[in-house]
């Protein structure tokens, strides 16, 4: 991940949230890769929705995050999943 993007995103998170805060993660992945996303949140329930043709799944998780750094950690780990799109 681009270090400039990370720094900019960290700054925006800290401007818009007072930590700890409820944060909503939403990812779109090719069908069959949703378990990889759910492994990022082993103790939290997720909501899933299939695309119209079933080729993709959206995975949404809401959780209390302790800091912008904790949010960034999730996005950095998620970026290793092939074909993932973070919304």
N, C-alpha and C. Protein backbone atom coordinates (compact mmCIF):
# COMPACT_ATOMS: atom_id res chain seq x y z
N UNK A 1 0.84 -1.18 0.00
CA UNK A 1 0.00 0.00 0.00
C UNK A 1 0.89 1.24 0.00
N UNK A 2 0.41 2.24 -0.66
CA UNK A 2 1.14 3.49 -0.78
C UNK A 2 1.22 4.21 0.57
N UNK A 3 2.44 4.51 1.06
CA UNK A 3 2.58 5.18 2.36
C UNK A 3 1.86 6.54 2.41
N UNK A 4 1.81 7.25 1.30
CA UNK A 4 1.10 8.55 1.28
C UNK A 4 -0.39 8.35 1.51
N UNK A 5 -0.95 7.30 0.89
CA UNK A 5 -2.37 7.00 1.07
C UNK A 5 -2.64 6.64 2.53
N UNK A 6 -1.76 5.83 3.10
CA UNK A 6 -1.94 5.41 4.49
C UNK A 6 -1.94 6.62 5.42
N UNK A 7 -0.96 7.51 5.25
CA UNK A 7 -0.89 8.70 6.10
C UNK A 7 -2.11 9.59 5.93
N UNK A 8 -2.56 9.77 4.69
CA UNK A 8 -3.73 10.60 4.41
C UNK A 8 -4.99 9.99 5.03
N UNK A 9 -5.14 8.68 4.88
CA UNK A 9 -6.32 8.01 5.41
C UNK A 9 -6.32 8.05 6.94
N UNK A 10 -5.15 7.85 7.56
CA UNK A 10 -5.04 7.92 9.01
C UNK A 10 -5.48 9.29 9.51
N UNK A 11 -5.04 10.32 8.81
CA UNK A 11 -5.40 11.69 9.17
C UNK A 11 -6.92 11.90 9.09
N UNK A 12 -7.52 11.41 7.99
CA UNK A 12 -8.97 11.56 7.81
C UNK A 12 -9.74 10.79 8.87
N UNK A 13 -9.28 9.59 9.19
CA UNK A 13 -9.95 8.81 10.24
C UNK A 13 -9.94 9.56 11.56
N UNK A 14 -8.78 10.10 11.90
CA UNK A 14 -8.66 10.79 13.19
C UNK A 14 -9.43 12.10 13.21
N UNK A 15 -9.68 12.70 12.05
CA UNK A 15 -10.47 13.92 11.99
C UNK A 15 -11.96 13.65 12.15
N UNK A 16 -12.41 12.49 11.64
CA UNK A 16 -13.84 12.20 11.60
C UNK A 16 -14.35 11.29 12.72
N UNK A 17 -13.45 10.67 13.46
CA UNK A 17 -13.86 9.74 14.51
C UNK A 17 -13.23 10.14 15.83
N UNK A 18 -13.95 9.87 16.91
CA UNK A 18 -13.41 9.98 18.26
C UNK A 18 -13.30 8.55 18.75
N UNK A 19 -12.08 8.10 18.95
CA UNK A 19 -11.83 6.70 19.29
C UNK A 19 -12.01 6.46 20.78
N UNK A 20 -12.54 5.29 21.15
CA UNK A 20 -13.04 4.22 20.30
C UNK A 20 -14.35 4.61 19.62
N UNK A 21 -14.59 3.97 18.47
CA UNK A 21 -15.78 4.31 17.68
C UNK A 21 -16.25 3.09 16.88
N UNK A 22 -17.55 3.10 16.56
CA UNK A 22 -18.10 2.08 15.68
C UNK A 22 -17.63 2.38 14.27
N UNK A 23 -17.06 1.39 13.61
CA UNK A 23 -16.56 1.56 12.24
C UNK A 23 -17.16 0.45 11.39
N UNK A 24 -17.57 0.79 10.18
CA UNK A 24 -18.16 -0.18 9.26
C UNK A 24 -17.15 -0.49 8.16
N UNK A 25 -16.79 -1.75 8.07
CA UNK A 25 -15.92 -2.24 7.00
C UNK A 25 -16.80 -2.88 5.94
N UNK A 26 -16.54 -2.57 4.69
CA UNK A 26 -17.28 -3.20 3.60
C UNK A 26 -16.29 -3.54 2.50
N UNK A 27 -16.31 -4.81 2.11
CA UNK A 27 -15.42 -5.30 1.07
C UNK A 27 -16.23 -6.05 0.02
N UNK A 28 -15.74 -6.03 -1.19
CA UNK A 28 -16.28 -6.85 -2.27
C UNK A 28 -15.16 -7.77 -2.72
N UNK A 29 -15.47 -9.06 -2.79
CA UNK A 29 -14.47 -10.05 -3.19
C UNK A 29 -15.08 -11.02 -4.19
N UNK A 30 -14.23 -11.66 -5.00
CA UNK A 30 -14.75 -12.72 -5.87
C UNK A 30 -15.39 -13.81 -5.01
N UNK A 31 -16.47 -14.38 -5.50
CA UNK A 31 -17.15 -15.46 -4.77
C UNK A 31 -16.12 -16.54 -4.44
N UNK A 32 -16.19 -17.05 -3.23
CA UNK A 32 -15.25 -18.06 -2.78
C UNK A 32 -14.13 -17.49 -1.91
N UNK A 33 -13.98 -16.19 -1.92
CA UNK A 33 -12.93 -15.55 -1.12
C UNK A 33 -13.50 -14.86 0.12
N UNK A 34 -14.79 -14.95 0.34
CA UNK A 34 -15.41 -14.27 1.47
C UNK A 34 -14.90 -14.80 2.81
N UNK A 35 -14.53 -16.07 2.87
CA UNK A 35 -14.01 -16.62 4.13
C UNK A 35 -12.69 -15.96 4.52
N UNK A 36 -11.89 -15.58 3.52
CA UNK A 36 -10.63 -14.89 3.80
C UNK A 36 -10.90 -13.55 4.48
N UNK A 37 -11.94 -12.88 4.03
CA UNK A 37 -12.31 -11.59 4.63
C UNK A 37 -12.82 -11.83 6.05
N UNK A 38 -13.68 -12.79 6.22
CA UNK A 38 -14.26 -13.06 7.54
C UNK A 38 -13.19 -13.47 8.55
N UNK A 39 -12.09 -14.04 8.09
CA UNK A 39 -11.00 -14.40 9.01
C UNK A 39 -10.31 -13.18 9.60
N UNK A 40 -10.48 -12.02 8.96
CA UNK A 40 -9.93 -10.78 9.52
C UNK A 40 -10.70 -10.34 10.77
N UNK A 41 -11.92 -10.88 10.94
CA UNK A 41 -12.82 -10.50 12.03
C UNK A 41 -13.33 -11.76 12.73
N UNK A 42 -12.44 -12.55 13.33
CA UNK A 42 -12.84 -13.86 13.85
C UNK A 42 -13.91 -13.83 14.93
N UNK A 43 -14.04 -12.74 15.66
CA UNK A 43 -15.00 -12.68 16.76
C UNK A 43 -16.25 -11.87 16.44
N UNK A 44 -16.40 -11.47 15.18
CA UNK A 44 -17.52 -10.61 14.82
C UNK A 44 -18.37 -11.23 13.71
N UNK A 45 -19.65 -10.98 13.80
CA UNK A 45 -20.57 -11.45 12.76
C UNK A 45 -20.44 -10.55 11.54
N UNK A 46 -20.66 -11.14 10.39
CA UNK A 46 -20.60 -10.36 9.15
C UNK A 46 -21.90 -10.53 8.39
N UNK A 47 -22.17 -9.56 7.54
CA UNK A 47 -23.32 -9.64 6.65
C UNK A 47 -22.77 -9.85 5.24
N UNK A 48 -23.37 -10.77 4.51
CA UNK A 48 -22.91 -11.07 3.16
C UNK A 48 -24.06 -10.89 2.18
N UNK A 49 -23.69 -10.49 0.99
CA UNK A 49 -24.67 -10.36 -0.08
C UNK A 49 -23.99 -10.72 -1.39
N UNK A 50 -24.65 -11.55 -2.18
CA UNK A 50 -24.12 -11.96 -3.48
C UNK A 50 -24.48 -10.94 -4.54
N UNK A 51 -23.60 -10.81 -5.53
CA UNK A 51 -23.92 -9.95 -6.67
C UNK A 51 -25.02 -10.60 -7.49
N UNK A 52 -25.57 -9.85 -8.41
CA UNK A 52 -26.70 -10.33 -9.21
C UNK A 52 -26.39 -11.66 -9.90
N UNK A 53 -25.19 -11.77 -10.46
CA UNK A 53 -24.83 -13.00 -11.16
C UNK A 53 -24.08 -13.99 -10.28
N UNK A 54 -23.83 -13.62 -9.04
CA UNK A 54 -23.19 -14.53 -8.10
C UNK A 54 -21.68 -14.60 -8.22
N UNK A 55 -21.08 -13.72 -9.00
CA UNK A 55 -19.63 -13.77 -9.18
C UNK A 55 -18.87 -13.12 -8.03
N UNK A 56 -19.54 -12.24 -7.31
CA UNK A 56 -18.91 -11.48 -6.23
C UNK A 56 -19.77 -11.53 -4.98
N UNK A 57 -19.12 -11.29 -3.85
CA UNK A 57 -19.83 -11.20 -2.58
C UNK A 57 -19.39 -9.93 -1.89
N UNK A 58 -20.33 -9.24 -1.27
CA UNK A 58 -19.97 -8.12 -0.40
C UNK A 58 -20.00 -8.65 1.02
N UNK A 59 -19.03 -8.21 1.79
CA UNK A 59 -18.93 -8.62 3.19
C UNK A 59 -18.86 -7.34 4.01
N UNK A 60 -19.79 -7.19 4.94
CA UNK A 60 -19.85 -6.00 5.79
C UNK A 60 -19.72 -6.42 7.24
N UNK A 61 -18.87 -5.70 7.96
CA UNK A 61 -18.67 -5.96 9.39
C UNK A 61 -18.66 -4.63 10.12
N UNK A 62 -19.45 -4.53 11.18
CA UNK A 62 -19.46 -3.35 12.04
C UNK A 62 -18.80 -3.74 13.35
N UNK A 63 -17.85 -2.92 13.78
CA UNK A 63 -17.21 -3.23 15.06
C UNK A 63 -16.63 -1.98 15.69
N UNK A 64 -16.48 -2.03 17.00
CA UNK A 64 -15.86 -0.94 17.74
C UNK A 64 -14.36 -1.05 17.53
N UNK A 65 -13.78 0.03 17.03
CA UNK A 65 -12.34 0.08 16.80
C UNK A 65 -11.72 1.03 17.81
N UNK A 66 -10.53 0.70 18.26
CA UNK A 66 -9.87 1.49 19.30
C UNK A 66 -9.14 2.71 18.76
N UNK A 67 -8.77 2.68 17.47
CA UNK A 67 -8.00 3.78 16.90
C UNK A 67 -7.99 3.72 15.39
N UNK A 68 -7.58 4.81 14.77
CA UNK A 68 -7.40 4.83 13.33
C UNK A 68 -6.34 3.84 12.90
N UNK A 69 -5.34 3.66 13.73
CA UNK A 69 -4.27 2.70 13.42
C UNK A 69 -4.82 1.28 13.35
N UNK A 70 -5.75 0.94 14.23
CA UNK A 70 -6.38 -0.38 14.23
C UNK A 70 -7.19 -0.59 12.95
N UNK A 71 -7.87 0.46 12.50
CA UNK A 71 -8.63 0.39 11.24
C UNK A 71 -7.67 0.16 10.08
N UNK A 72 -6.59 0.92 10.05
CA UNK A 72 -5.60 0.77 8.99
C UNK A 72 -5.00 -0.63 8.96
N UNK A 73 -4.78 -1.20 10.13
CA UNK A 73 -4.23 -2.56 10.20
C UNK A 73 -5.14 -3.55 9.47
N UNK A 74 -6.44 -3.41 9.65
CA UNK A 74 -7.40 -4.30 8.96
C UNK A 74 -7.28 -4.11 7.45
N UNK A 75 -7.27 -2.86 6.99
CA UNK A 75 -7.18 -2.60 5.56
C UNK A 75 -5.87 -3.12 4.97
N UNK A 76 -4.78 -2.99 5.69
CA UNK A 76 -3.49 -3.49 5.20
C UNK A 76 -3.53 -5.01 5.07
N UNK A 77 -4.07 -5.69 6.08
CA UNK A 77 -4.18 -7.15 6.00
C UNK A 77 -5.14 -7.57 4.90
N UNK A 78 -6.23 -6.82 4.72
CA UNK A 78 -7.21 -7.14 3.68
C UNK A 78 -6.61 -6.97 2.29
N UNK A 79 -5.70 -6.05 2.13
CA UNK A 79 -5.12 -5.79 0.81
C UNK A 79 -4.36 -6.99 0.26
N UNK A 80 -4.06 -7.96 1.09
CA UNK A 80 -3.36 -9.17 0.64
C UNK A 80 -4.30 -10.20 0.02
N UNK A 81 -5.61 -9.96 0.11
CA UNK A 81 -6.59 -10.89 -0.46
C UNK A 81 -6.76 -10.56 -1.95
N UNK A 82 -6.55 -11.56 -2.77
CA UNK A 82 -6.61 -11.38 -4.21
C UNK A 82 -8.01 -10.95 -4.67
N UNK A 83 -8.07 -9.87 -5.44
CA UNK A 83 -9.32 -9.41 -6.03
C UNK A 83 -10.19 -8.58 -5.12
N UNK A 84 -9.73 -8.22 -3.94
CA UNK A 84 -10.57 -7.50 -2.98
C UNK A 84 -10.71 -6.04 -3.38
N UNK A 85 -11.88 -5.50 -3.11
CA UNK A 85 -12.15 -4.06 -3.27
C UNK A 85 -12.72 -3.59 -1.95
N UNK A 86 -12.08 -2.58 -1.37
CA UNK A 86 -12.56 -2.00 -0.10
C UNK A 86 -13.42 -0.79 -0.42
N UNK A 87 -14.58 -0.71 0.21
CA UNK A 87 -15.47 0.44 -0.01
C UNK A 87 -15.45 1.34 1.20
